[in-house]
PDB file of N, CA and C in Angstrom:
ATOM      1  N   MET A   1     -34.620   7.805 -48.843  1.00  0.00           N
ATOM      2  CA  MET A   1     -33.915   7.197 -47.748  1.00  0.00           C
ATOM      3  C   MET A   1     -32.425   7.183 -48.067  1.00  0.00           C
ATOM      4  N   SER A   2     -31.618   7.667 -47.153  1.00  0.00           N
ATOM      5  CA  SER A   2     -30.174   7.642 -47.358  1.00  0.00           C
ATOM      6  C   SER A   2     -29.582   6.388 -46.726  1.00  0.00           C
ATOM      7  N   VAL A   3     -28.495   5.928 -47.294  1.00  0.00           N
ATOM      8  CA  VAL A   3     -27.809   4.739 -46.794  1.00  0.00           C
ATOM      9  C   VAL A   3     -26.433   5.161 -46.303  1.00  0.00           C
ATOM     10  N   THR A   4     -26.119   4.828 -45.075  1.00  0.00           N
ATOM     11  CA  THR A   4     -24.797   5.119 -44.527  1.00  0.00           C
ATOM     12  C   THR A   4     -23.841   4.003 -44.929  1.00  0.00           C
ATOM     13  N   ILE A   5     -22.730   4.381 -45.528  1.00  0.00           N
ATOM     14  CA  ILE A   5     -21.725   3.410 -45.927  1.00  0.00           C
ATOM     15  C   ILE A   5     -20.632   3.398 -44.858  1.00  0.00           C
ATOM     16  N   PHE A   6     -20.305   2.217 -44.376  1.00  0.00           N
ATOM     17  CA  PHE A   6     -19.273   2.063 -43.357  1.00  0.00           C
ATOM     18  C   PHE A   6     -18.018   1.477 -43.989  1.00  0.00           C
ATOM     19  N   ALA A   7     -16.868   1.848 -43.475  1.00  0.00           N
ATOM     20  CA  ALA A   7     -15.597   1.298 -43.953  1.00  0.00           C
ATOM     21  C   ALA A   7     -15.343  -0.054 -43.295  1.00  0.00           C
ATOM     22  N   MET A   8     -14.549  -0.872 -43.958  1.00  0.00           N
ATOM     23  CA  MET A   8     -14.227  -2.194 -43.408  1.00  0.00           C
ATOM     24  C   MET A   8     -13.630  -2.098 -42.010  1.00  0.00           C
ATOM     25  N   GLU A   9     -12.829  -1.043 -41.763  1.00  0.00           N
ATOM     26  CA  GLU A   9     -12.210  -0.925 -40.442  1.00  0.00           C
ATOM     27  C   GLU A   9     -13.220  -0.567 -39.353  1.00  0.00           C
ATOM     28  N   ASP A  10     -14.447  -0.221 -39.732  1.00  0.00           N
ATOM     29  CA  ASP A  10     -15.504   0.049 -38.752  1.00  0.00           C
ATOM     30  C   ASP A  10     -16.131  -1.251 -38.218  1.00  0.00           C
ATOM     31  N   LEU A  11     -15.953  -2.348 -38.956  1.00  0.00           N
ATOM     32  CA  LEU A  11     -16.585  -3.615 -38.568  1.00  0.00           C
ATOM     33  C   LEU A  11     -16.011  -4.158 -37.264  1.00  0.00           C
ATOM     34  N   LEU A  12     -16.923  -4.597 -36.421  1.00  0.00           N
ATOM     35  CA  LEU A  12     -16.567  -5.272 -35.174  1.00  0.00           C
ATOM     36  C   LEU A  12     -17.127  -6.678 -35.239  1.00  0.00           C
ATOM     37  N   PHE A  13     -16.577  -7.571 -34.435  1.00  0.00           N
ATOM     38  CA  PHE A  13     -17.009  -8.963 -34.449  1.00  0.00           C
ATOM     39  C   PHE A  13     -17.303  -9.415 -33.030  1.00  0.00           C
ATOM     40  N   ALA A  14     -18.338 -10.227 -32.890  1.00  0.00           N
ATOM     41  CA  ALA A  14     -18.713 -10.719 -31.559  1.00  0.00           C
ATOM     42  C   ALA A  14     -19.073 -12.193 -31.653  1.00  0.00           C
ATOM     43  N   PRO A  15     -18.693 -12.962 -30.637  1.00  0.00           N
ATOM     44  CA  PRO A  15     -19.109 -14.359 -30.596  1.00  0.00           C
ATOM     45  C   PRO A  15     -20.567 -14.456 -30.164  1.00  0.00           C
ATOM     46  N   ILE A  16     -21.218 -15.503 -30.593  1.00  0.00           N
ATOM     47  CA  ILE A  16     -22.556 -15.846 -30.097  1.00  0.00           C
ATOM     48  C   ILE A  16     -22.399 -17.162 -29.365  1.00  0.00           C
ATOM     49  N   ASN A  17     -22.721 -17.163 -28.081  1.00  0.00           N
ATOM     50  CA  ASN A  17     -22.634 -18.373 -27.271  1.00  0.00           C
ATOM     51  C   ASN A  17     -23.693 -18.275 -26.182  1.00  0.00           C
ATOM     52  N   VAL A  18     -24.921 -18.695 -26.507  1.00  0.00           N
ATOM     53  CA  VAL A  18     -26.040 -18.586 -25.580  1.00  0.00           C
ATOM     54  C   VAL A  18     -26.724 -19.939 -25.454  1.00  0.00           C
ATOM     55  N   SER A  19     -27.334 -20.175 -24.296  1.00  0.00           N
ATOM     56  CA  SER A  19     -28.002 -21.462 -24.102  1.00  0.00           C
ATOM     57  C   SER A  19     -29.205 -21.384 -23.170  1.00  0.00           C
ATOM     58  N   THR A  20     -29.553 -20.197 -22.715  1.00  0.00           N
ATOM     59  CA  THR A  20     -30.652 -20.049 -21.766  1.00  0.00           C
ATOM     60  C   THR A  20     -31.929 -19.686 -22.509  1.00  0.00           C
ATOM     61  N   LEU A  21     -33.026 -20.383 -22.191  1.00  0.00           N
ATOM     62  CA  LEU A  21     -34.312 -20.004 -22.772  1.00  0.00           C
ATOM     63  C   LEU A  21     -34.652 -18.588 -22.321  1.00  0.00           C
ATOM     64  N   GLY A  22     -35.276 -17.810 -23.207  1.00  0.00           N
ATOM     65  CA  GLY A  22     -35.601 -16.418 -22.913  1.00  0.00           C
ATOM     66  C   GLY A  22     -34.591 -15.496 -23.570  1.00  0.00           C
ATOM     67  N   ASP A  23     -34.485 -14.270 -23.045  1.00  0.00           N
ATOM     68  CA  ASP A  23     -33.625 -13.251 -23.631  1.00  0.00           C
ATOM     69  C   ASP A  23     -32.163 -13.429 -23.239  1.00  0.00           C
ATOM     70  N   ASN A  24     -31.277 -13.364 -24.239  1.00  0.00           N
ATOM     71  CA  ASN A  24     -29.835 -13.465 -24.041  1.00  0.00           C
ATOM     72  C   ASN A  24     -29.175 -12.265 -24.716  1.00  0.00           C
ATOM     73  N   ILE A  25     -28.458 -11.444 -23.951  1.00  0.00           N
ATOM     74  CA  ILE A  25     -27.788 -10.273 -24.517  1.00  0.00           C
ATOM     75  C   ILE A  25     -26.561 -10.740 -25.298  1.00  0.00           C
ATOM     76  N   VAL A  26     -26.491 -10.326 -26.572  1.00  0.00           N
ATOM     77  CA  VAL A  26     -25.349 -10.640 -27.422  1.00  0.00           C
ATOM     78  C   VAL A  26     -24.365  -9.469 -27.417  1.00  0.00           C
ATOM     79  N   ILE A  27     -24.886  -8.238 -27.574  1.00  0.00           N
ATOM     80  CA  ILE A  27     -24.070  -7.022 -27.535  1.00  0.00           C
ATOM     81  C   ILE A  27     -24.864  -5.964 -26.777  1.00  0.00           C
ATOM     82  N   SER A  28     -24.180  -5.210 -25.926  1.00  0.00           N
ATOM     83  CA  SER A  28     -24.850  -4.166 -25.153  1.00  0.00           C
ATOM     84  C   SER A  28     -24.067  -2.854 -25.234  1.00  0.00           C
ATOM     85  N   PRO A  29     -24.430  -1.988 -26.190  1.00  0.00           N
ATOM     86  CA  PRO A  29     -23.735  -0.702 -26.298  1.00  0.00           C
ATOM     87  C   PRO A  29     -24.242   0.265 -25.230  1.00  0.00           C
ATOM     88  N   GLN A  30     -23.456   1.273 -24.921  1.00  0.00           N
ATOM     89  CA  GLN A  30     -23.888   2.256 -23.928  1.00  0.00           C
ATOM     90  C   GLN A  30     -24.775   3.330 -24.541  1.00  0.00           C
ATOM     91  N   THR A  31     -24.361   3.880 -25.682  1.00  0.00           N
ATOM     92  CA  THR A  31     -25.078   5.029 -26.229  1.00  0.00           C
ATOM     93  C   THR A  31     -25.303   4.955 -27.732  1.00  0.00           C
ATOM     94  N   LYS A  32     -24.878   3.904 -28.390  1.00  0.00           N
ATOM     95  CA  LYS A  32     -24.947   3.852 -29.851  1.00  0.00           C
ATOM     96  C   LYS A  32     -25.925   2.782 -30.327  1.00  0.00           C
ATOM     97  N   ARG A  33     -26.183   2.808 -31.621  1.00  0.00           N
ATOM     98  CA  ARG A  33     -26.985   1.772 -32.268  1.00  0.00           C
ATOM     99  C   ARG A  33     -26.064   0.673 -32.775  1.00  0.00           C
ATOM    100  N   ILE A  34     -26.622  -0.502 -32.941  1.00  0.00           N
ATOM    101  CA  ILE A  34     -25.900  -1.636 -33.520  1.00  0.00           C
ATOM    102  C   ILE A  34     -26.538  -1.927 -34.867  1.00  0.00           C
ATOM    103  N   ARG A  35     -25.728  -1.994 -35.915  1.00  0.00           N
ATOM    104  CA  ARG A  35     -26.232  -2.459 -37.209  1.00  0.00           C
ATOM    105  C   ARG A  35     -25.485  -3.745 -37.540  1.00  0.00           C
ATOM    106  N   VAL A  36     -26.238  -4.815 -37.767  1.00  0.00           N
ATOM    107  CA  VAL A  36     -25.659  -6.138 -38.028  1.00  0.00           C
ATOM    108  C   VAL A  36     -25.566  -6.360 -39.535  1.00  0.00           C
ATOM    109  N   PHE A  37     -24.361  -6.774 -39.970  1.00  0.00           N
ATOM    110  CA  PHE A  37     -24.107  -7.025 -41.382  1.00  0.00           C
ATOM    111  C   PHE A  37     -24.057  -8.513 -41.714  1.00  0.00           C
ATOM    112  N   HIS A  38     -23.608  -9.320 -40.775  1.00  0.00           N
ATOM    113  CA  HIS A  38     -23.493 -10.757 -41.031  1.00  0.00           C
ATOM    114  C   HIS A  38     -23.679 -11.518 -39.724  1.00  0.00           C
ATOM    115  N   VAL A  39     -24.379 -12.636 -39.809  1.00  0.00           N
ATOM    116  CA  VAL A  39     -24.524 -13.507 -38.641  1.00  0.00           C
ATOM    117  C   VAL A  39     -24.506 -14.958 -39.118  1.00  0.00           C
ATOM    118  N   VAL A  40     -23.877 -15.801 -38.319  1.00  0.00           N
ATOM    119  CA  VAL A  40     -23.870 -17.237 -38.574  1.00  0.00           C
ATOM    120  C   VAL A  40     -23.902 -17.946 -37.224  1.00  0.00           C
ATOM    121  N   PHE A  41     -24.755 -18.967 -37.106  1.00  0.00           N
ATOM    122  CA  PHE A  41     -24.747 -19.775 -35.892  1.00  0.00           C
ATOM    123  C   PHE A  41     -25.373 -21.135 -36.147  1.00  0.00           C
ATOM    124  N   VAL A  42     -25.109 -22.055 -35.218  1.00  0.00           N
ATOM    125  CA  VAL A  42     -25.620 -23.423 -35.295  1.00  0.00           C
ATOM    126  C   VAL A  42     -26.158 -23.805 -33.921  1.00  0.00           C
ATOM    127  N   PRO A  43     -27.395 -24.322 -33.853  1.00  0.00           N
ATOM    128  CA  PRO A  43     -27.937 -24.769 -32.566  1.00  0.00           C
ATOM    129  C   PRO A  43     -27.588 -26.234 -32.290  1.00  0.00           C
ATOM    130  N   SER A  44     -27.456 -26.561 -31.011  1.00  0.00           N
ATOM    131  CA  SER A  44     -27.177 -27.948 -30.629  1.00  0.00           C
ATOM    132  C   SER A  44     -28.449 -28.793 -30.591  1.00  0.00           C
ATOM    133  N   GLY A  45     -29.604 -28.152 -30.569  1.00  0.00           N
ATOM    134  CA  GLY A  45     -30.887 -28.857 -30.529  1.00  0.00           C
ATOM    135  C   GLY A  45     -31.955 -28.020 -31.208  1.00  0.00           C
ATOM    136  N   SER A  46     -33.141 -28.577 -31.340  1.00  0.00           N
ATOM    137  CA  SER A  46     -34.245 -27.843 -31.956  1.00  0.00           C
ATOM    138  C   SER A  46     -34.659 -26.687 -31.060  1.00  0.00           C
ATOM    139  N   ILE A  47     -34.780 -25.498 -31.658  1.00  0.00           N
ATOM    140  CA  ILE A  47     -35.044 -24.271 -30.898  1.00  0.00           C
ATOM    141  C   ILE A  47     -35.611 -23.222 -31.863  1.00  0.00           C
ATOM    142  N   THR A  48     -36.341 -22.271 -31.323  1.00  0.00           N
ATOM    143  CA  THR A  48     -36.790 -21.119 -32.109  1.00  0.00           C
ATOM    144  C   THR A  48     -36.074 -19.890 -31.579  1.00  0.00           C
ATOM    145  N   VAL A  49     -35.501 -19.105 -32.490  1.00  0.00           N
ATOM    146  CA  VAL A  49     -34.787 -17.890 -32.092  1.00  0.00           C
ATOM    147  C   VAL A  49     -35.514 -16.669 -32.650  1.00  0.00           C
ATOM    148  N   GLN A  50     -35.344 -15.550 -31.962  1.00  0.00           N
ATOM    149  CA  GLN A  50     -35.916 -14.289 -32.411  1.00  0.00           C
ATOM    150  C   GLN A  50     -35.017 -13.155 -31.923  1.00  0.00           C
ATOM    151  N   TRP A  51     -34.710 -12.213 -32.810  1.00  0.00           N
ATOM    152  CA  TRP A  51     -33.858 -11.083 -32.472  1.00  0.00           C
ATOM    153  C   TRP A  51     -34.694  -9.952 -31.886  1.00  0.00           C
ATOM    154  N   LYS A  52     -34.108  -9.249 -30.891  1.00  0.00           N
ATOM    155  CA  LYS A  52     -34.768  -8.114 -30.256  1.00  0.00           C
ATOM    156  C   LYS A  52     -33.785  -6.966 -30.084  1.00  0.00           C
ATOM    157  N   SER A  53     -34.329  -5.768 -30.037  1.00  0.00           N
ATOM    158  CA  SER A  53     -33.614  -4.562 -29.636  1.00  0.00           C
ATOM    159  C   SER A  53     -34.217  -4.187 -28.293  1.00  0.00           C
ATOM    160  N   ASP A  54     -33.551  -4.565 -27.197  1.00  0.00           N
ATOM    161  CA  ASP A  54     -34.131  -4.530 -25.851  1.00  0.00           C
ATOM    162  C   ASP A  54     -35.439  -5.311 -25.868  1.00  0.00           C
ATOM    163  N   VAL A  55     -36.575  -4.685 -25.611  1.00  0.00           N
ATOM    164  CA  VAL A  55     -37.850  -5.415 -25.581  1.00  0.00           C
ATOM    165  C   VAL A  55     -38.550  -5.413 -26.934  1.00  0.00           C
ATOM    166  N   ASN A  56     -38.016  -4.679 -27.910  1.00  0.00           N
ATOM    167  CA  ASN A  56     -38.662  -4.558 -29.224  1.00  0.00           C
ATOM    168  C   ASN A  56     -38.215  -5.674 -30.162  1.00  0.00           C
ATOM    169  N   VAL A  57     -39.159  -6.407 -30.693  1.00  0.00           N
ATOM    170  CA  VAL A  57     -38.865  -7.502 -31.623  1.00  0.00           C
ATOM    171  C   VAL A  57     -38.411  -6.909 -32.960  1.00  0.00           C
ATOM    172  N   ILE A  58     -37.273  -7.386 -33.490  1.00  0.00           N
ATOM    173  CA  ILE A  58     -36.769  -6.882 -34.776  1.00  0.00           C
ATOM    174  C   ILE A  58     -36.618  -7.988 -35.824  1.00  0.00           C
ATOM    175  N   SER A  59     -37.092  -9.198 -35.500  1.00  0.00           N
ATOM    176  CA  SER A  59     -37.160 -10.268 -36.503  1.00  0.00           C
ATOM    177  C   SER A  59     -38.342 -11.158 -36.169  1.00  0.00           C
ATOM    178  N   GLY A  60     -38.758 -11.919 -37.136  1.00  0.00           N
ATOM    179  CA  GLY A  60     -39.768 -12.925 -36.876  1.00  0.00           C
ATOM    180  C   GLY A  60     -39.137 -14.128 -36.202  1.00  0.00           C
ATOM    181  N   PRO A  61     -39.958 -15.048 -35.701  1.00  0.00           N
ATOM    182  CA  PRO A  61     -39.399 -16.264 -35.110  1.00  0.00           C
ATOM    183  C   PRO A  61     -38.740 -17.129 -36.185  1.00  0.00           C
ATOM    184  N   ILE A  62     -37.578 -17.680 -35.851  1.00  0.00           N
ATOM    185  CA  ILE A  62     -36.812 -18.503 -36.783  1.00  0.00           C
ATOM    186  C   ILE A  62     -36.668 -19.899 -36.172  1.00  0.00           C
ATOM    187  N   PRO A  63     -37.483 -20.876 -36.607  1.00  0.00           N
ATOM    188  CA  PRO A  63     -37.356 -22.229 -36.062  1.00  0.00           C
ATOM    189  C   PRO A  63     -36.141 -22.943 -36.655  1.00  0.00           C
ATOM    190  N   LEU A  64     -35.363 -23.583 -35.799  1.00  0.00           N
ATOM    191  CA  LEU A  64     -34.150 -24.280 -36.219  1.00  0.00           C
ATOM    192  C   LEU A  64     -34.143 -25.700 -35.668  1.00  0.00           C
ATOM    193  N   VAL A  65     -33.482 -26.594 -36.371  1.00  0.00           N
ATOM    194  CA  VAL A  65     -33.300 -27.958 -35.882  1.00  0.00           C
ATOM    195  C   VAL A  65     -31.830 -28.165 -35.548  1.00  0.00           C
ATOM    196  N   ALA A  66     -31.547 -29.177 -34.765  1.00  0.00           N
ATOM    197  CA  ALA A  66     -30.182 -29.448 -34.305  1.00  0.00           C
ATOM    198  C   ALA A  66     -29.204 -29.530 -35.466  1.00  0.00           C
ATOM    199  N   SER A  67     -28.075 -28.860 -35.310  1.00  0.00           N
ATOM    200  CA  SER A  67     -26.955 -28.881 -36.253  1.00  0.00           C
ATOM    201  C   SER A  67     -27.266 -28.288 -37.626  1.00  0.00           C
ATOM    202  N   ALA A  68     -28.413 -27.621 -37.765  1.00  0.00           N
ATOM    203  CA  ALA A  68     -28.738 -26.946 -39.028  1.00  0.00           C
ATOM    204  C   ALA A  68     -28.310 -25.487 -38.897  1.00  0.00           C
ATOM    205  N   GLY A  69     -27.329 -25.087 -39.650  1.00  0.00           N
ATOM    206  CA  GLY A  69     -26.792 -23.738 -39.533  1.00  0.00           C
ATOM    207  C   GLY A  69     -27.730 -22.664 -40.047  1.00  0.00           C
ATOM    208  N   TYR A  70     -27.538 -21.456 -39.518  1.00  0.00           N
ATOM    209  CA  TYR A  70     -28.281 -20.268 -39.935  1.00  0.00           C
ATOM    210  C   TYR A  70     -27.247 -19.210 -40.283  1.00  0.00           C
ATOM    211  N   SER A  71     -27.382 -18.610 -41.461  1.00  0.00           N
ATOM    212  CA  SER A  71     -26.440 -17.576 -41.865  1.00  0.00           C
ATOM    213  C   SER A  71     -27.169 -16.573 -42.747  1.00  0.00           C
ATOM    214  N   THR A  72     -26.907 -15.296 -42.523  1.00  0.00           N
ATOM    215  CA  THR A  72     -27.452 -14.251 -43.380  1.00  0.00           C
ATOM    216  C   THR A  72     -26.524 -13.051 -43.351  1.00  0.00           C
ATOM    217  N   SER A  73     -26.495 -12.322 -44.453  1.00  0.00           N
ATOM    218  CA  SER A  73     -25.689 -11.106 -44.507  1.00  0.00           C
ATOM    219  C   SER A  73     -26.266 -10.171 -45.564  1.00  0.00           C
ATOM    220  N   PHE A  74     -25.939  -8.889 -45.426  1.00  0.00           N
ATOM    221  CA  PHE A  74     -26.345  -7.890 -46.397  1.00  0.00           C
ATOM    222  C   PHE A  74     -25.358  -6.740 -46.304  1.00  0.00           C
ATOM    223  N   GLN A  75     -24.918  -6.231 -47.437  1.00  0.00           N
ATOM    224  CA  GLN A  75     -23.843  -5.232 -47.455  1.00  0.00           C
ATOM    225  C   GLN A  75     -24.195  -3.929 -46.759  1.00  0.00           C
ATOM    226  N   TYR A  76     -25.472  -3.608 -46.611  1.00  0.00           N
ATOM    227  CA  TYR A  76     -25.873  -2.372 -45.930  1.00  0.00           C
ATOM    228  C   TYR A  76     -26.410  -2.640 -44.522  1.00  0.00           C
ATOM    229  N   GLY A  77     -26.355  -3.885 -44.086  1.00  0.00           N
ATOM    230  CA  GLY A  77     -26.900  -4.272 -42.789  1.00  0.00           C
ATOM    231  C   GLY A  77     -28.331  -4.753 -42.952  1.00  0.00           C
ATOM    232  N   PHE A  78     -28.731  -5.710 -42.145  1.00  0.00           N
ATOM    233  CA  PHE A  78     -30.079  -6.261 -42.284  1.00  0.00           C
ATOM    234  C   PHE A  78     -30.933  -6.114 -41.031  1.00  0.00           C
ATOM    235  N   MET A  79     -30.345  -5.640 -39.942  1.00  0.00           N
ATOM    236  CA  MET A  79     -31.137  -5.302 -38.760  1.00  0.00           C
ATOM    237  C   MET A  79     -30.311  -4.375 -37.897  1.00  0.00           C
ATOM    238  N   GLN A  80     -31.021  -3.561 -37.094  1.00  0.00           N
ATOM    239  CA  GLN A  80     -30.316  -2.667 -36.185  1.00  0.00           C
ATOM    240  C   GLN A  80     -31.156  -2.424 -34.946  1.00  0.00           C
ATOM    241  N   THR A  81     -30.448  -2.054 -33.894  1.00  0.00           N
ATOM    242  CA  THR A  81     -31.105  -1.763 -32.621  1.00  0.00           C
ATOM    243  C   THR A  81     -31.411  -0.272 -32.525  1.00  0.00           C
ATOM    244  N   GLY A  82     -32.185   0.074 -31.516  1.00  0.00           N
ATOM    245  CA  GLY A  82     -32.398   1.470 -31.198  1.00  0.00           C
ATOM    246  C   GLY A  82     -31.173   2.025 -30.487  1.00  0.00           C
ATOM    247  N   ASN A  83     -31.111   3.318 -30.357  1.00  0.00           N
ATOM    248  CA  ASN A  83     -29.971   3.976 -29.725  1.00  0.00           C
ATOM    249  C   ASN A  83     -29.794   3.511 -28.284  1.00  0.00           C
ATOM    250  N   GLY A  84     -28.598   2.971 -27.968  1.00  0.00           N
ATOM    251  CA  GLY A  84     -28.296   2.503 -26.619  1.00  0.00           C
ATOM    252  C   GLY A  84     -28.995   1.214 -26.219  1.00  0.00           C
ATOM    253  N   GLN A  85     -29.643   0.536 -27.164  1.00  0.00           N
ATOM    254  CA  GLN A  85     -30.375  -0.699 -26.850  1.00  0.00           C
ATOM    255  C   GLN A  85     -29.540  -1.933 -27.165  1.00  0.00           C
ATOM    256  N   ALA A  86     -29.648  -2.931 -26.293  1.00  0.00           N
ATOM    257  CA  ALA A  86     -28.908  -4.178 -26.458  1.00  0.00           C
ATOM    258  C   ALA A  86     -29.474  -5.007 -27.606  1.00  0.00           C
ATOM    259  N   LEU A  87     -28.584  -5.745 -28.274  1.00  0.00           N
ATOM    260  CA  LEU A  87     -29.003  -6.737 -29.259  1.00  0.00           C
ATOM    261  C   LEU A  87     -29.208  -8.038 -28.504  1.00  0.00           C
ATOM    262  N   ILE A  88     -30.416  -8.563 -28.574  1.00  0.00           N
ATOM    263  CA  ILE A  88     -30.807  -9.735 -27.781  1.00  0.00           C
ATOM    264  C   ILE A  88     -31.218 -10.869 -28.705  1.00  0.00           C
ATOM    265  N   LEU A  89     -30.788 -12.073 -28.365  1.00  0.00           N
ATOM    266  CA  LEU A  89     -31.233 -13.282 -29.057  1.00  0.00           C
ATOM    267  C   LEU A  89     -32.119 -14.045 -28.090  1.00  0.00           C
ATOM    268  N   ASN A  90     -33.406 -14.118 -28.419  1.00  0.00           N
ATOM    269  CA  ASN A  90     -34.372 -14.812 -27.578  1.00  0.00           C
ATOM    270  C   ASN A  90     -34.484 -16.262 -28.035  1.00  0.00           C
ATOM    271  N   LEU A  91     -34.394 -17.188 -27.089  1.00  0.00           N
ATOM    272  CA  LEU A  91     -34.542 -18.616 -27.380  1.00  0.00           C
ATOM    273  C   LEU A  91     -35.847 -19.110 -26.786  1.00  0.00           C
ATOM    274  N   SER A  92     -36.599 -19.852 -27.579  1.00  0.00           N
ATOM    275  CA  SER A  92     -37.820 -20.474 -27.056  1.00  0.00           C
ATOM    276  C   SER A  92     -37.930 -21.890 -27.597  1.00  0.00           C
ATOM    277  N   GLY A  93     -38.496 -22.752 -26.792  1.00  0.00           N
ATOM    278  CA  GLY A  93     -38.652 -24.148 -27.179  1.00  0.00           C
ATOM    279  C   GLY A  93     -38.936 -24.993 -25.961  1.00  0.00           C
ATOM    280  N   SER A  94     -39.062 -26.286 -26.172  1.00  0.00           N
ATOM    281  CA  SER A  94     -39.379 -27.182 -25.061  1.00  0.00           C
ATOM    282  C   SER A  94     -38.156 -27.523 -24.215  1.00  0.00           C
ATOM    283  N   ALA A  95     -36.961 -27.327 -24.770  1.00  0.00           N
ATOM    284  CA  ALA A  95     -35.720 -27.591 -24.025  1.00  0.00           C
ATOM    285  C   ALA A  95     -34.654 -26.626 -24.498  1.00  0.00           C
ATOM    286  N   PRO A  96     -33.751 -26.205 -23.608  1.00  0.00           N
ATOM    287  CA  PRO A  96     -32.683 -25.300 -24.028  1.00  0.00           C
ATOM    288  C   PRO A  96     -31.746 -25.959 -25.031  1.00  0.00           C
ATOM    289  N   ALA A  97     -31.123 -25.140 -25.856  1.00  0.00           N
ATOM    290  CA  ALA A  97     -30.107 -25.598 -26.804  1.00  0.00           C
ATOM    291  C   ALA A  97     -29.008 -24.549 -26.826  1.00  0.00           C
ATOM    292  N   THR A  98     -27.786 -24.984 -27.011  1.00  0.00           N
ATOM    293  CA  THR A  98     -26.677 -24.043 -27.130  1.00  0.00           C
ATOM    294  C   THR A  98     -26.623 -23.518 -28.550  1.00  0.00           C
ATOM    295  N   ILE A  99     -26.502 -22.194 -28.674  1.00  0.00           N
ATOM    296  CA  ILE A  99     -26.354 -21.550 -29.974  1.00  0.00           C
ATOM    297  C   ILE A  99     -24.928 -21.011 -30.027  1.00  0.00           C
ATOM    298  N   GLY A 100     -24.138 -21.472 -30.990  1.00  0.00           N
ATOM    299  CA  GLY A 100     -22.767 -21.007 -31.134  1.00  0.00           C
ATOM    300  C   GLY A 100     -22.548 -20.423 -32.502  1.00  0.00           C
ATOM    301  N   GLY A 101     -21.856 -19.275 -32.553  1.00  0.00           N
ATOM    302  CA  GLY A 101     -21.571 -18.657 -33.847  1.00  0.00           C
ATOM    303  C   GLY A 101     -20.921 -17.303 -33.651  1.00  0.00           C
ATOM    304  N   SER A 102     -21.136 -16.420 -34.620  1.00  0.00           N
ATOM    305  CA  SER A 102     -20.545 -15.079 -34.542  1.00  0.00           C
ATOM    306  C   SER A 102     -21.334 -14.123 -35.413  1.00  0.00           C
ATOM    307  N   LEU A 103     -21.063 -12.821 -35.197  1.00  0.00           N
ATOM    308  CA  LEU A 103     -21.678 -11.801 -36.048  1.00  0.00           C
ATOM    309  C   LEU A 103     -20.722 -10.653 -36.279  1.00  0.00           C
ATOM    310  N   ALA A 104     -20.966  -9.937 -37.377  1.00  0.00           N
ATOM    311  CA  ALA A 104     -20.205  -8.741 -37.730  1.00  0.00           C
ATOM    312  C   ALA A 104     -21.162  -7.560 -37.669  1.00  0.00           C
ATOM    313  N   TYR A 105     -20.693  -6.461 -37.067  1.00  0.00           N
ATOM    314  CA  TYR A 105     -21.581  -5.319 -36.839  1.00  0.00           C
ATOM    315  C   TYR A 105     -20.783  -4.030 -36.760  1.00  0.00           C
ATOM    316  N   VAL A 106     -21.481  -2.913 -36.759  1.00  0.00           N
ATOM    317  CA  VAL A 106     -20.874  -1.616 -36.470  1.00  0.00           C
ATOM    318  C   VAL A 106     -21.693  -0.930 -35.397  1.00  0.00           C
ATOM    319  N   LEU A 107     -21.036  -0.045 -34.671  1.00  0.00           N
ATOM    320  CA  LEU A 107     -21.704   0.847 -33.725  1.00  0.00           C
ATOM    321  C   LEU A 107     -21.726   2.225 -34.373  1.00  0.00           C
ATOM    322  N   PHE A 108     -22.876   2.885 -34.316  1.00  0.00           N
ATOM    323  CA  PHE A 108     -22.950   4.220 -34.911  1.00  0.00           C
ATOM    324  C   PHE A 108     -23.926   5.090 -34.159  1.00  0.00           C
TER     325      PHE A 108
END
């Protein structure tokens, strides 16, 4: 397996600000893949989040409690979407919660 190395100037940054139960588009490329290198966010209430590449699940469910931060990073990227597929953060729970944070990614 080969690993693509990206330069620092390739990194892009996006805010995360979602609050609707169900699928929430975080980034929507037209023709490229998204590889995520770092993500950090904090929910305003108890909620379960799950990452998707369009309809394809790319993470397990992550249960969170109010004000408990979530952060992960990896130098080669830890998740990616399919070509031209949106990066989606799915929220599920008994009540909506606002998720605020940011992520670092590249398009390739």
